[in-house]
Every structure is written in structure tokens, then in C-alpha cells.
Amino acid sequence: MTTQQILGAGLAVQVALAALTWWPRDTAVTEPQPLVAGGGNALTHVEIVGHGDDARPVVLDQQDGAWVLTSEHGYPADPEKVGEVLDALGGIQLRAPVATQAVSHEALKVSDDTWEKKITFTADGATRTVFVGAAASKAIHLREEGADAVYKAKGLSAWTFKDTARGFLPANHADLEVADLASLRVRNSHGDIAFAKVDGAWTVEGDPTRVPVQTTLDGLLDKVAKVRLDSVVGTEVTADQGLLDPAVRVEWATTEGDQTVPGGLVVGAEDDGKFFLKTDASPFVILSPSYRIKDLVDADPAALTTAAPEPTPEPAPTP
């Protein structure tokens, strides 16, 4: 036998051994079984962690019918983002396993030490942990902790299960409609300026000789209505945040039907391109991107208003 024939025979043996290792012992077609009995609606707790030395678990819990990020001081999670993960996890159907021996776990990225996502969840009072590894053609491999069987779930990827708080936080900490704003007041190191909407038009409160520079005011209204959320700091206000004696105070009112609802926020110190910020309506201190908050910090009354136009004189009566 030639060297090439010997090598070919050896390769064939390796392929056969691999097939025997990965191929399930029971190849009979079985009825699919849900990973989570009851689907996503049965879930009350989900913890997701990615692999790596600096990986930090994202922990979600259902409280009073809503989901919160327990790992982010209990901050309310975005319902749509949470729903995507609950639907994905609750929709997994387990069919015949693709492997049944522990020797295949590492290659399929679902071993106790080698995995892409580790998910712990609670449903109907029972807590379980599964390891997730990527598979070809938009699919994942899945193995429950303590078991040898590995399953394949199609239509999902490991990235479906987000492992950062950002993946579950809303984009905005305050989320108002600009059209609903009825008044705005900004107090900062440059002064104190207030605006009010009268008959659909913005005016400078208390000074009929001045009118807003509308494009500049529109920018401020947008920043107030959509306060971007970068990260959650917590619920404790500390001296280093600059919020105990804030340099910037913003107040507004919105019209909701026949009611006027007040609101406000304070801006604290800047830290690495973000400002500490706290709204009156929320117990949470957050960090908000500087590019969104800087206009409120630098708002100058002199640049926000201009002289009101002279009234057009009434035409003289025709004799």
C-alpha cells in the first residue's frame, strides 16, 4: 500500500469516528418538545452572560407584570427588546439530538468551559441553565447543564441572546412628544430663560419685546423631549456626580388632554463624553451623551431670543 493510500485510509477512519461520536444514538424522528413549557410567557427570570474574562451577566426579572434589569439597579427594560429574547427562548423546539456524548461538547461550543452564551432562566418556579454555541446556517447548538445531549435550533443565532445591558435598555430616558411641550425653562451659568407656547406659537415668557430664535429653540425642545440614555448609574445621588448642587436645571410642562403635566431634570458633571443627569420623574441617575446635553448646558439667553418685529401700522383710512 502506498503512503497516499495509507493516509487516505487513516482519514476515512477519522471521519467515521467523528460521525460515530457526533451522530445521535437514537436517529428516530421524535415529536419536538419545547425547551420552555408554556413558551416565553412562562418565563419570570432570565440571565445571559457571554464568554470571556470580563463578561458581566445581564439579569432580567419580571416584577408586577413588567421586566426590569436587575443587573442595572432595577431599571425598567425595553418591553420590545425583552420580548424578542423571551419569544426566541420560549419558541425553541427540541428534536432528536445532534450529539449525545460529552466528547463532542467542546467542538459544538456547548461544553462547561467553551460556550458563546450561557443562559439561566426560570419558568413555572424551576430554574435551568443552557449553553449556547453557534451552528452553521443561522442556527445554534444547545445543551442543558448536567446533560450530554446537544440539540440544534434553527432560525436563531447566539447574538439573538444579547449579553449587554445596552441590548435591553430603552434608547431614551425621557421620551416625550415635542408637540406636547407647552413651556420650557432653562437655568444655567449663562442665565435664566423661559418660553411658553401661546396659541400654537412659542413666546419669550414675561418679555413681549423679544421672540425666540425658533431654530435654536427647536433644538433645545428636541433635547428635552428625547433624553438619550447611555447607561444607568444607580439610584444614589453622590457629590462626585455634580447633582447635589447642579449648574443646570431644566423645567417643562406638557399638555395631555385638559391637563398640564410638569417635568424637570438636572445636569451634573461631565465624565468621559457623558453628563450625569437625573429627571424629577425617575429615581435613577443616568449618564447621557454630551452631544445631546451640551446645548442645555451652554444655552445662552442672548442667543436664544431676538427683538420682536415692529407691528405693521394700520393703513390710514381712505378719505
C-alpha atoms as a PDB file:
ATOM      1  CA  MET A   1       0.000   0.000   0.000  1.00  0.00           C
ATOM      2  CA  THR A   2       1.362   3.403  -0.939  1.00  0.00           C
ATOM      3  CA  THR A   3       1.853   6.277   1.506  1.00  0.00           C
ATOM      4  CA  GLN A   4      -1.016   8.171  -0.139  1.00  0.00           C
ATOM      5  CA  GLN A   5      -3.324   5.154   0.273  1.00  0.00           C
ATOM      6  CA  ILE A   6      -2.338   4.788   3.938  1.00  0.00           C
ATOM      7  CA  LEU A   7      -3.053   8.489   4.592  1.00  0.00           C
ATOM      8  CA  GLY A   8      -6.391   8.214   2.776  1.00  0.00           C
ATOM      9  CA  ALA A   9      -7.385   5.188   4.823  1.00  0.00           C
ATOM     10  CA  GLY A  10      -6.436   6.972   8.021  1.00  0.00           C
ATOM     11  CA  LEU A  11      -8.552   9.993   7.073  1.00  0.00           C
ATOM     12  CA  ALA A  12     -11.519   7.749   6.323  1.00  0.00           C
ATOM     13  CA  VAL A  13     -11.204   6.163   9.769  1.00  0.00           C
ATOM     14  CA  GLN A  14     -11.109   9.621  11.414  1.00  0.00           C
ATOM     15  CA  VAL A  15     -14.210  10.741   9.546  1.00  0.00           C
ATOM     16  CA  ALA A  16     -16.023   7.567  10.530  1.00  0.00           C
ATOM     17  CA  LEU A  17     -15.055   8.011  14.188  1.00  0.00           C
ATOM     18  CA  ALA A  18     -16.234  11.624  14.115  1.00  0.00           C
ATOM     19  CA  ALA A  19     -19.539  10.563  12.628  1.00  0.00           C
ATOM     20  CA  LEU A  20     -19.985   7.944  15.313  1.00  0.00           C
ATOM     21  CA  THR A  21     -19.106  10.467  18.011  1.00  0.00           C
ATOM     22  CA  TRP A  22     -21.486  13.211  16.867  1.00  0.00           C
ATOM     23  CA  TRP A  23     -24.275  11.108  15.438  1.00  0.00           C
ATOM     24  CA  PRO A  24     -27.122  10.601  17.906  1.00  0.00           C
ATOM     25  CA  ARG A  25     -27.663   7.133  19.266  1.00  0.00           C
ATOM     26  CA  ASP A  26     -31.357   7.348  18.553  1.00  0.00           C
ATOM     27  CA  THR A  27     -31.970   8.586  14.996  1.00  0.00           C
ATOM     28  CA  ALA A  28     -35.701   8.022  15.085  1.00  0.00           C
ATOM     29  CA  VAL A  29     -37.842  11.069  14.301  1.00  0.00           C
ATOM     30  CA  THR A  30     -39.367  12.331  17.521  1.00  0.00           C
ATOM     31  CA  GLU A  31     -42.057  14.871  18.257  1.00  0.00           C
ATOM     32  CA  PRO A  32     -40.471  18.252  19.020  1.00  0.00           C
ATOM     33  CA  GLN A  33     -40.549  19.260  22.664  1.00  0.00           C
ATOM     34  CA  PRO A  34     -40.435  22.883  23.810  1.00  0.00           C
ATOM     35  CA  LEU A  35     -37.374  23.960  25.744  1.00  0.00           C
ATOM     36  CA  VAL A  36     -39.686  26.095  27.893  1.00  0.00           C
ATOM     37  CA  ALA A  37     -43.058  24.555  28.642  1.00  0.00           C
ATOM     38  CA  GLY A  38     -45.581  27.351  28.240  1.00  0.00           C
ATOM     39  CA  GLY A  39     -43.314  29.396  25.956  1.00  0.00           C
ATOM     40  CA  GLY A  40     -41.981  32.869  26.621  1.00  0.00           C
ATOM     41  CA  ASN A  41     -44.983  33.868  28.744  1.00  0.00           C
ATOM     42  CA  ALA A  42     -43.939  31.319  31.376  1.00  0.00           C
ATOM     43  CA  LEU A  43     -40.539  32.969  31.941  1.00  0.00           C
ATOM     44  CA  THR A  44     -40.039  35.107  35.045  1.00  0.00           C
ATOM     45  CA  HIS A  45     -36.248  35.350  35.206  1.00  0.00           C
ATOM     46  CA  VAL A  46     -33.531  35.355  32.539  1.00  0.00           C
ATOM     47  CA  GLU A  47     -29.793  35.704  32.999  1.00  0.00           C
ATOM     48  CA  ILE A  48     -27.477  35.879  29.987  1.00  0.00           C
ATOM     49  CA  VAL A  49     -23.699  36.004  30.070  1.00  0.00           C
ATOM     50  CA  GLY A  50     -21.219  35.964  27.224  1.00  0.00           C
ATOM     51  CA  HIS A  51     -17.903  34.143  27.330  1.00  0.00           C
ATOM     52  CA  GLY A  52     -14.772  35.981  28.414  1.00  0.00           C
ATOM     53  CA  ASP A  53     -12.865  37.127  31.469  1.00  0.00           C
ATOM     54  CA  ASP A  54     -14.649  40.493  31.559  1.00  0.00           C
ATOM     55  CA  ALA A  55     -18.127  39.118  30.827  1.00  0.00           C
ATOM     56  CA  ARG A  56     -20.801  40.501  33.125  1.00  0.00           C
ATOM     57  CA  PRO A  57     -24.210  38.809  33.380  1.00  0.00           C
ATOM     58  CA  VAL A  58     -27.307  40.631  32.225  1.00  0.00           C
ATOM     59  CA  VAL A  59     -30.093  39.789  34.668  1.00  0.00           C
ATOM     60  CA  LEU A  60     -33.777  40.345  33.856  1.00  0.00           C
ATOM     61  CA  ASP A  61     -36.666  39.773  36.251  1.00  0.00           C
ATOM     62  CA  GLN A  62     -40.387  40.146  35.917  1.00  0.00           C
ATOM     63  CA  GLN A  63     -41.830  42.447  38.577  1.00  0.00           C
ATOM     64  CA  ASP A  64     -45.502  43.361  38.783  1.00  0.00           C
ATOM     65  CA  GLY A  65     -46.037  42.325  35.176  1.00  0.00           C
ATOM     66  CA  ALA A  66     -43.108  44.339  33.797  1.00  0.00           C
ATOM     67  CA  TRP A  67     -39.485  43.402  33.152  1.00  0.00           C
ATOM     68  CA  VAL A  68     -36.611  45.160  34.879  1.00  0.00           C
ATOM     69  CA  LEU A  69     -32.847  44.909  34.571  1.00  0.00           C
ATOM     70  CA  THR A  70     -31.873  43.647  37.999  1.00  0.00           C
ATOM     71  CA  SER A  71     -28.229  43.914  36.959  1.00  0.00           C
ATOM     72  CA  GLU A  72     -28.805  47.647  36.281  1.00  0.00           C
ATOM     73  CA  HIS A  73     -30.247  48.583  39.659  1.00  0.00           C
ATOM     74  CA  GLY A  74     -33.762  47.526  38.625  1.00  0.00           C
ATOM     75  CA  TYR A  75     -34.035  49.951  35.699  1.00  0.00           C
ATOM     76  CA  PRO A  76     -37.122  49.247  33.514  1.00  0.00           C
ATOM     77  CA  ALA A  77     -36.206  47.185  30.467  1.00  0.00           C
ATOM     78  CA  ASP A  78     -37.450  47.991  26.982  1.00  0.00           C
ATOM     79  CA  PRO A  79     -40.526  45.739  26.536  1.00  0.00           C
ATOM     80  CA  GLU A  80     -39.912  45.176  22.833  1.00  0.00           C
ATOM     81  CA  LYS A  81     -36.262  44.207  23.305  1.00  0.00           C
ATOM     82  CA  VAL A  82     -37.094  41.841  26.156  1.00  0.00           C
ATOM     83  CA  GLY A  83     -39.977  40.388  24.155  1.00  0.00           C
ATOM     84  CA  GLU A  84     -37.649  39.432  21.310  1.00  0.00           C
ATOM     85  CA  VAL A  85     -35.489  37.331  23.639  1.00  0.00           C
ATOM     86  CA  LEU A  86     -38.430  35.808  25.506  1.00  0.00           C
ATOM     87  CA  ASP A  87     -40.047  34.803  22.213  1.00  0.00           C
ATOM     88  CA  ALA A  88     -36.786  33.327  20.949  1.00  0.00           C
ATOM     89  CA  LEU A  89     -36.101  31.339  24.103  1.00  0.00           C
ATOM     90  CA  GLY A  90     -39.705  30.291  24.542  1.00  0.00           C
ATOM     91  CA  GLY A  91     -40.002  29.272  20.900  1.00  0.00           C
ATOM     92  CA  ILE A  92     -37.130  26.768  20.867  1.00  0.00           C
ATOM     93  CA  GLN A  93     -38.276  23.265  19.972  1.00  0.00           C
ATOM     94  CA  LEU A  94     -36.025  20.304  20.770  1.00  0.00           C
ATOM     95  CA  ARG A  95     -35.977  17.470  18.241  1.00  0.00           C
ATOM     96  CA  ALA A  96     -33.605  14.500  18.003  1.00  0.00           C
ATOM     97  CA  PRO A  97     -30.181  15.453  19.419  1.00  0.00           C
ATOM     98  CA  VAL A  98     -27.272  16.025  17.042  1.00  0.00           C
ATOM     99  CA  ALA A  99     -24.819  14.612  19.599  1.00  0.00           C
ATOM    100  CA  THR A 100     -25.166  12.517  22.734  1.00  0.00           C
ATOM    101  CA  GLN A 101     -21.623  12.215  24.079  1.00  0.00           C
ATOM    102  CA  ALA A 102     -19.636  14.690  26.168  1.00  0.00           C
ATOM    103  CA  VAL A 103     -16.625  14.367  23.856  1.00  0.00           C
ATOM    104  CA  SER A 104     -18.465  16.473  21.241  1.00  0.00           C
ATOM    105  CA  HIS A 105     -19.396  19.360  23.554  1.00  0.00           C
ATOM    106  CA  GLU A 106     -16.277  21.433  23.053  1.00  0.00           C
ATOM    107  CA  ALA A 107     -16.382  21.203  19.240  1.00  0.00           C
ATOM    108  CA  LEU A 108     -20.033  22.265  19.266  1.00  0.00           C
ATOM    109  CA  LYS A 109     -19.220  25.132  21.687  1.00  0.00           C
ATOM    110  CA  VAL A 110     -21.535  23.938  24.429  1.00  0.00           C
ATOM    111  CA  SER A 111     -19.120  22.488  26.987  1.00  0.00           C
ATOM    112  CA  ASP A 112     -18.946  23.681  30.588  1.00  0.00           C
ATOM    113  CA  ASP A 113     -15.851  25.712  29.663  1.00  0.00           C
ATOM    114  CA  THR A 114     -16.405  26.546  25.980  1.00  0.00           C
ATOM    115  CA  TRP A 115     -19.629  28.296  25.004  1.00  0.00           C
ATOM    116  CA  GLU A 116     -20.789  31.517  23.404  1.00  0.00           C
ATOM    117  CA  LYS A 117     -23.738  32.288  25.662  1.00  0.00           C
ATOM    118  CA  LYS A 118     -24.791  30.830  28.982  1.00  0.00           C
ATOM    119  CA  ILE A 119     -28.463  31.351  29.750  1.00  0.00           C
ATOM    120  CA  THR A 120     -30.135  30.695  33.086  1.00  0.00           C
ATOM    121  CA  PHE A 121     -33.903  31.013  33.181  1.00  0.00           C
ATOM    122  CA  THR A 122     -36.820  30.389  35.499  1.00  0.00           C
ATOM    123  CA  ALA A 123     -40.220  29.163  34.328  1.00  0.00           C
ATOM    124  CA  ASP A 124     -43.006  27.783  36.496  1.00  0.00           C
ATOM    125  CA  GLY A 125     -40.742  28.006  39.524  1.00  0.00           C
ATOM    126  CA  ALA A 126     -37.983  25.809  38.036  1.00  0.00           C
ATOM    127  CA  THR A 127     -34.561  27.270  37.192  1.00  0.00           C
ATOM    128  CA  ARG A 128     -32.413  25.752  34.439  1.00  0.00           C
ATOM    129  CA  THR A 129     -29.179  26.642  32.646  1.00  0.00           C
ATOM    130  CA  VAL A 130     -28.326  26.041  28.991  1.00  0.00           C
ATOM    131  CA  PHE A 131     -25.147  26.562  26.992  1.00  0.00           C
ATOM    132  CA  VAL A 132     -25.464  28.074  23.504  1.00  0.00           C
ATOM    133  CA  GLY A 133     -22.987  27.751  20.652  1.00  0.00           C
ATOM    134  CA  ALA A 134     -23.195  28.930  17.056  1.00  0.00           C
ATOM    135  CA  ALA A 135     -24.039  26.449  14.317  1.00  0.00           C
ATOM    136  CA  ALA A 136     -23.990  26.796  10.531  1.00  0.00           C
ATOM    137  CA  SER A 137     -26.856  28.275   8.501  1.00  0.00           C
ATOM    138  CA  LYS A 138     -28.272  30.577  11.178  1.00  0.00           C
ATOM    139  CA  ALA A 139     -28.752  28.008  13.875  1.00  0.00           C
ATOM    140  CA  ILE A 140     -27.486  27.330  17.374  1.00  0.00           C
ATOM    141  CA  HIS A 141     -26.364  24.308  19.299  1.00  0.00           C
ATOM    142  CA  LEU A 142     -27.941  23.969  22.718  1.00  0.00           C
ATOM    143  CA  ARG A 143     -27.135  21.828  25.746  1.00  0.00           C
ATOM    144  CA  GLU A 144     -28.673  21.866  29.184  1.00  0.00           C
ATOM    145  CA  GLU A 145     -26.266  21.943  32.103  1.00  0.00           C
ATOM    146  CA  GLY A 146     -25.738  18.465  33.530  1.00  0.00           C
ATOM    147  CA  ALA A 147     -26.888  16.683  30.356  1.00  0.00           C
ATOM    148  CA  ASP A 148     -24.910  15.230  27.448  1.00  0.00           C
ATOM    149  CA  ALA A 149     -27.432  15.615  24.625  1.00  0.00           C
ATOM    150  CA  VAL A 150     -26.841  18.524  22.247  1.00  0.00           C
ATOM    151  CA  TYR A 151     -29.680  19.908  20.149  1.00  0.00           C
ATOM    152  CA  LYS A 152     -29.831  22.205  17.146  1.00  0.00           C
ATOM    153  CA  ALA A 153     -32.305  25.061  16.920  1.00  0.00           C
ATOM    154  CA  LYS A 154     -32.751  26.724  13.537  1.00  0.00           C
ATOM    155  CA  GLY A 155     -33.614  30.331  12.811  1.00  0.00           C
ATOM    156  CA  LEU A 156     -31.581  31.707  15.727  1.00  0.00           C
ATOM    157  CA  SER A 157     -28.046  32.885  16.319  1.00  0.00           C
ATOM    158  CA  ALA A 158     -26.027  33.256  19.500  1.00  0.00           C
ATOM    159  CA  TRP A 159     -26.385  37.028  19.018  1.00  0.00           C
ATOM    160  CA  THR A 160     -30.152  36.688  19.397  1.00  0.00           C
ATOM    161  CA  PHE A 161     -29.468  36.428  23.119  1.00  0.00           C
ATOM    162  CA  LYS A 162     -27.970  39.822  23.930  1.00  0.00           C
ATOM    163  CA  ASP A 163     -25.418  39.786  26.737  1.00  0.00           C
ATOM    164  CA  THR A 164     -25.109  43.526  27.446  1.00  0.00           C
ATOM    165  CA  ALA A 165     -27.407  45.873  29.328  1.00  0.00           C
ATOM    166  CA  ARG A 166     -27.468  48.128  26.257  1.00  0.00           C
ATOM    167  CA  GLY A 167     -29.296  45.354  24.437  1.00  0.00           C
ATOM    168  CA  PHE A 168     -32.270  45.737  26.787  1.00  0.00           C
ATOM    169  CA  LEU A 169     -32.234  49.414  27.752  1.00  0.00           C
ATOM    170  CA  PRO A 170     -34.538  51.894  26.004  1.00  0.00           C
ATOM    171  CA  ALA A 171     -32.906  54.464  23.754  1.00  0.00           C
ATOM    172  CA  ASN A 172     -34.355  57.377  25.747  1.00  0.00           C
ATOM    173  CA  HIS A 173     -34.569  58.008  29.473  1.00  0.00           C
ATOM    174  CA  ALA A 174     -37.230  60.675  28.935  1.00  0.00           C
ATOM    175  CA  ASP A 175     -39.372  60.220  25.848  1.00  0.00           C
ATOM    176  CA  LEU A 176     -41.874  62.993  25.160  1.00  0.00           C
ATOM    177  CA  GLU A 177     -43.524  64.354  22.048  1.00  0.00           C
ATOM    178  CA  VAL A 178     -42.153  67.776  21.124  1.00  0.00           C
ATOM    179  CA  ALA A 179     -45.638  68.796  20.007  1.00  0.00           C
ATOM    180  CA  ASP A 180     -46.922  68.187  23.555  1.00  0.00           C
ATOM    181  CA  LEU A 181     -44.460  70.613  25.178  1.00  0.00           C
ATOM    182  CA  ALA A 182     -46.207  73.757  26.360  1.00  0.00           C
ATOM    183  CA  SER A 183     -43.404  75.520  28.234  1.00  0.00           C
ATOM    184  CA  LEU A 184     -39.649  75.355  28.746  1.00  0.00           C
ATOM    185  CA  ARG A 185     -37.299  76.979  31.233  1.00  0.00           C
ATOM    186  CA  VAL A 186     -33.509  76.649  31.288  1.00  0.00           C
ATOM    187  CA  ARG A 187     -31.307  77.898  34.118  1.00  0.00           C
ATOM    188  CA  ASN A 188     -27.548  77.574  33.757  1.00  0.00           C
ATOM    189  CA  SER A 189     -24.356  79.581  34.169  1.00  0.00           C
ATOM    190  CA  HIS A 190     -25.469  81.925  31.360  1.00  0.00           C
ATOM    191  CA  GLY A 191     -28.744  82.937  32.993  1.00  0.00           C
ATOM    192  CA  ASP A 192     -32.410  82.029  33.207  1.00  0.00           C
ATOM    193  CA  ILE A 193     -34.717  81.933  30.193  1.00  0.00           C
ATOM    194  CA  ALA A 194     -38.323  80.733  29.911  1.00  0.00           C
ATOM    195  CA  PHE A 195     -40.568  80.090  26.913  1.00  0.00           C
ATOM    196  CA  ALA A 196     -44.293  79.422  26.664  1.00  0.00           C
ATOM    197  CA  LYS A 197     -46.440  78.264  23.781  1.00  0.00           C
ATOM    198  CA  VAL A 198     -49.389  80.584  23.185  1.00  0.00           C
ATOM    199  CA  ASP A 199     -51.962  79.756  20.513  1.00  0.00           C
ATOM    200  CA  GLY A 200     -49.515  77.304  18.964  1.00  0.00           C
ATOM    201  CA  ALA A 201     -46.615  79.775  18.773  1.00  0.00           C
ATOM    202  CA  TRP A 202     -43.619  79.951  21.120  1.00  0.00           C
ATOM    203  CA  THR A 203     -43.078  83.188  23.035  1.00  0.00           C
ATOM    204  CA  VAL A 204     -40.490  84.524  25.471  1.00  0.00           C
ATOM    205  CA  GLU A 205     -42.227  84.372  28.815  1.00  0.00           C
ATOM    206  CA  GLY A 206     -42.532  87.757  30.501  1.00  0.00           C
ATOM    207  CA  ASP A 207     -40.926  89.762  27.693  1.00  0.00           C
ATOM    208  CA  PRO A 208     -43.154  90.671  24.713  1.00  0.00           C
ATOM    209  CA  THR A 209     -40.302  92.706  23.205  1.00  0.00           C
ATOM    210  CA  ARG A 210     -38.373  89.502  22.455  1.00  0.00           C
ATOM    211  CA  VAL A 211     -39.214  86.398  20.407  1.00  0.00           C
ATOM    212  CA  PRO A 212     -37.462  83.023  20.276  1.00  0.00           C
ATOM    213  CA  VAL A 213     -34.873  82.203  17.644  1.00  0.00           C
ATOM    214  CA  GLN A 214     -37.032  79.306  16.532  1.00  0.00           C
ATOM    215  CA  THR A 215     -34.376  77.040  15.039  1.00  0.00           C
ATOM    216  CA  THR A 216     -32.277  77.251  18.221  1.00  0.00           C
ATOM    217  CA  LEU A 217     -35.311  76.734  20.436  1.00  0.00           C
ATOM    218  CA  ASP A 218     -36.375  73.734  18.337  1.00  0.00           C
ATOM    219  CA  GLY A 219     -33.004  72.157  19.072  1.00  0.00           C
ATOM    220  CA  LEU A 220     -33.485  72.594  22.826  1.00  0.00           C
ATOM    221  CA  LEU A 221     -37.014  71.219  22.706  1.00  0.00           C
ATOM    222  CA  ASP A 222     -35.760  68.101  20.943  1.00  0.00           C
ATOM    223  CA  LYS A 223     -33.005  67.571  23.543  1.00  0.00           C
ATOM    224  CA  VAL A 224     -35.531  67.874  26.376  1.00  0.00           C
ATOM    225  CA  ALA A 225     -38.139  65.641  24.767  1.00  0.00           C
ATOM    226  CA  LYS A 226     -35.685  62.848  23.928  1.00  0.00           C
ATOM    227  CA  VAL A 227     -33.138  62.486  26.729  1.00  0.00           C
ATOM    228  CA  ARG A 228     -30.761  59.825  25.461  1.00  0.00           C
ATOM    229  CA  LEU A 229     -29.773  57.012  27.817  1.00  0.00           C
ATOM    230  CA  ASP A 230     -26.176  55.843  27.674  1.00  0.00           C
ATOM    231  CA  SER A 231     -26.003  53.860  30.927  1.00  0.00           C
ATOM    232  CA  VAL A 232     -27.589  53.581  34.351  1.00  0.00           C
ATOM    233  CA  VAL A 233     -25.514  54.756  37.315  1.00  0.00           C
ATOM    234  CA  GLY A 234     -27.908  53.825  40.116  1.00  0.00           C
ATOM    235  CA  THR A 235     -30.389  55.437  42.479  1.00  0.00           C
ATOM    236  CA  GLU A 236     -27.951  57.147  44.834  1.00  0.00           C
ATOM    237  CA  VAL A 237     -27.039  60.784  44.227  1.00  0.00           C
ATOM    238  CA  THR A 238     -23.423  61.442  45.219  1.00  0.00           C
ATOM    239  CA  ALA A 239     -21.250  64.532  45.374  1.00  0.00           C
ATOM    240  CA  ASP A 240     -18.951  63.446  42.525  1.00  0.00           C
ATOM    241  CA  GLN A 241     -21.906  63.372  40.109  1.00  0.00           C
ATOM    242  CA  GLY A 242     -22.421  67.131  40.459  1.00  0.00           C
ATOM    243  CA  LEU A 243     -26.151  66.688  41.016  1.00  0.00           C
ATOM    244  CA  LEU A 244     -26.402  67.830  44.641  1.00  0.00           C
ATOM    245  CA  ASP A 245     -25.782  71.425  43.565  1.00  0.00           C
ATOM    246  CA  PRO A 246     -26.381  71.246  39.811  1.00  0.00           C
ATOM    247  CA  ALA A 247     -25.292  74.007  37.465  1.00  0.00           C
ATOM    248  CA  VAL A 248     -28.128  73.263  35.056  1.00  0.00           C
ATOM    249  CA  ARG A 249     -31.834  72.984  35.821  1.00  0.00           C
ATOM    250  CA  VAL A 250     -34.408  72.440  33.070  1.00  0.00           C
ATOM    251  CA  GLU A 251     -38.161  72.579  33.627  1.00  0.00           C
ATOM    252  CA  TRP A 252     -41.010  71.967  31.233  1.00  0.00           C
ATOM    253  CA  ALA A 253     -44.715  71.284  31.040  1.00  0.00           C
ATOM    254  CA  THR A 254     -46.612  69.082  28.639  1.00  0.00           C
ATOM    255  CA  THR A 255     -50.248  69.242  27.662  1.00  0.00           C
ATOM    256  CA  GLU A 256     -52.119  65.958  27.969  1.00  0.00           C
ATOM    257  CA  GLY A 257     -55.745  66.490  27.096  1.00  0.00           C
ATOM    258  CA  ASP A 258     -57.073  69.103  29.505  1.00  0.00           C
ATOM    259  CA  GLN A 259     -54.181  68.626  31.922  1.00  0.00           C
ATOM    260  CA  THR A 260     -50.782  70.288  32.166  1.00  0.00           C
ATOM    261  CA  VAL A 261     -48.092  67.976  33.491  1.00  0.00           C
ATOM    262  CA  PRO A 262     -44.852  69.470  34.879  1.00  0.00           C
ATOM    263  CA  GLY A 263     -41.444  67.879  34.451  1.00  0.00           C
ATOM    264  CA  GLY A 264     -37.812  68.677  35.026  1.00  0.00           C
ATOM    265  CA  LEU A 265     -34.230  67.498  35.124  1.00  0.00           C
ATOM    266  CA  VAL A 266     -30.841  68.490  36.457  1.00  0.00           C
ATOM    267  CA  VAL A 267     -27.499  68.088  34.722  1.00  0.00           C
ATOM    268  CA  GLY A 268     -24.361  67.379  36.727  1.00  0.00           C
ATOM    269  CA  ALA A 269     -20.706  66.800  35.967  1.00  0.00           C
ATOM    270  CA  GLU A 270     -19.299  65.652  32.651  1.00  0.00           C
ATOM    271  CA  ASP A 271     -17.456  62.341  32.605  1.00  0.00           C
ATOM    272  CA  ASP A 272     -15.724  60.962  29.516  1.00  0.00           C
ATOM    273  CA  GLY A 273     -18.110  62.450  26.975  1.00  0.00           C
ATOM    274  CA  LYS A 274     -21.241  61.958  29.066  1.00  0.00           C
ATOM    275  CA  PHE A 275     -23.143  64.008  31.642  1.00  0.00           C
ATOM    276  CA  PHE A 276     -24.631  62.776  34.895  1.00  0.00           C
ATOM    277  CA  LEU A 277     -28.345  63.519  34.734  1.00  0.00           C
ATOM    278  CA  LYS A 278     -31.461  62.956  36.793  1.00  0.00           C
ATOM    279  CA  THR A 279     -35.089  63.706  35.927  1.00  0.00           C
ATOM    280  CA  ASP A 280     -37.727  64.598  38.504  1.00  0.00           C
ATOM    281  CA  ALA A 281     -39.907  61.682  37.436  1.00  0.00           C
ATOM    282  CA  SER A 282     -37.313  58.927  37.871  1.00  0.00           C
ATOM    283  CA  PRO A 283     -35.267  57.752  40.862  1.00  0.00           C
ATOM    284  CA  PHE A 284     -32.383  56.777  38.583  1.00  0.00           C
ATOM    285  CA  VAL A 285     -29.174  58.679  37.948  1.00  0.00           C
ATOM    286  CA  ILE A 286     -28.038  58.097  34.384  1.00  0.00           C
ATOM    287  CA  LEU A 287     -25.268  59.081  32.018  1.00  0.00           C
ATOM    288  CA  SER A 288     -26.414  60.836  28.850  1.00  0.00           C
ATOM    289  CA  PRO A 289     -24.219  61.573  25.798  1.00  0.00           C
ATOM    290  CA  SER A 290     -22.657  65.026  25.882  1.00  0.00           C
ATOM    291  CA  TYR A 291     -23.615  65.764  22.281  1.00  0.00           C
ATOM    292  CA  ARG A 292     -27.259  65.726  23.363  1.00  0.00           C
ATOM    293  CA  ILE A 293     -26.894  67.602  26.648  1.00  0.00           C
ATOM    294  CA  LYS A 294     -24.269  70.196  25.777  1.00  0.00           C
ATOM    295  CA  ASP A 295     -26.846  72.543  24.215  1.00  0.00           C
ATOM    296  CA  LEU A 296     -28.724  72.714  27.540  1.00  0.00           C
ATOM    297  CA  VAL A 297     -25.510  73.343  29.468  1.00  0.00           C
ATOM    298  CA  ASP A 298     -24.428  76.110  27.059  1.00  0.00           C
ATOM    299  CA  ALA A 299     -27.862  77.643  26.353  1.00  0.00           C
ATOM    300  CA  ASP A 300     -27.399  81.421  26.338  1.00  0.00           C
ATOM    301  CA  PRO A 301     -30.495  83.663  26.663  1.00  0.00           C
ATOM    302  CA  ALA A 302     -28.855  86.227  24.396  1.00  0.00           C
ATOM    303  CA  ALA A 303     -28.571  83.700  21.574  1.00  0.00           C
ATOM    304  CA  LEU A 304     -31.999  82.185  22.135  1.00  0.00           C
ATOM    305  CA  THR A 305     -34.044  85.319  21.562  1.00  0.00           C
ATOM    306  CA  THR A 306     -34.171  88.259  19.215  1.00  0.00           C
ATOM    307  CA  ALA A 307     -36.073  91.559  19.123  1.00  0.00           C
ATOM    308  CA  ALA A 308     -39.734  91.212  18.267  1.00  0.00           C
ATOM    309  CA  PRO A 309     -40.619  92.692  14.874  1.00  0.00           C
ATOM    310  CA  GLU A 310     -42.236  96.073  14.882  1.00  0.00           C
ATOM    311  CA  PRO A 311     -46.001  95.800  14.477  1.00  0.00           C
ATOM    312  CA  THR A 312     -47.259  96.669  10.996  1.00  0.00           C
ATOM    313  CA  PRO A 313     -49.027 100.027  11.214  1.00  0.00           C
ATOM    314  CA  GLU A 314     -52.713 100.122  10.372  1.00  0.00           C
ATOM    315  CA  PRO A 315     -53.298 101.650   6.929  1.00  0.00           C
ATOM    316  CA  ALA A 316     -54.645 105.175   7.021  1.00  0.00           C
ATOM    317  CA  PRO A 317     -58.374 105.379   6.308  1.00  0.00           C
ATOM    318  CA  THR A 318     -59.293 106.411   2.789  1.00  0.00           C
ATOM    319  CA  PRO A 319     -60.882 109.910   2.754  1.00  0.00           C
END
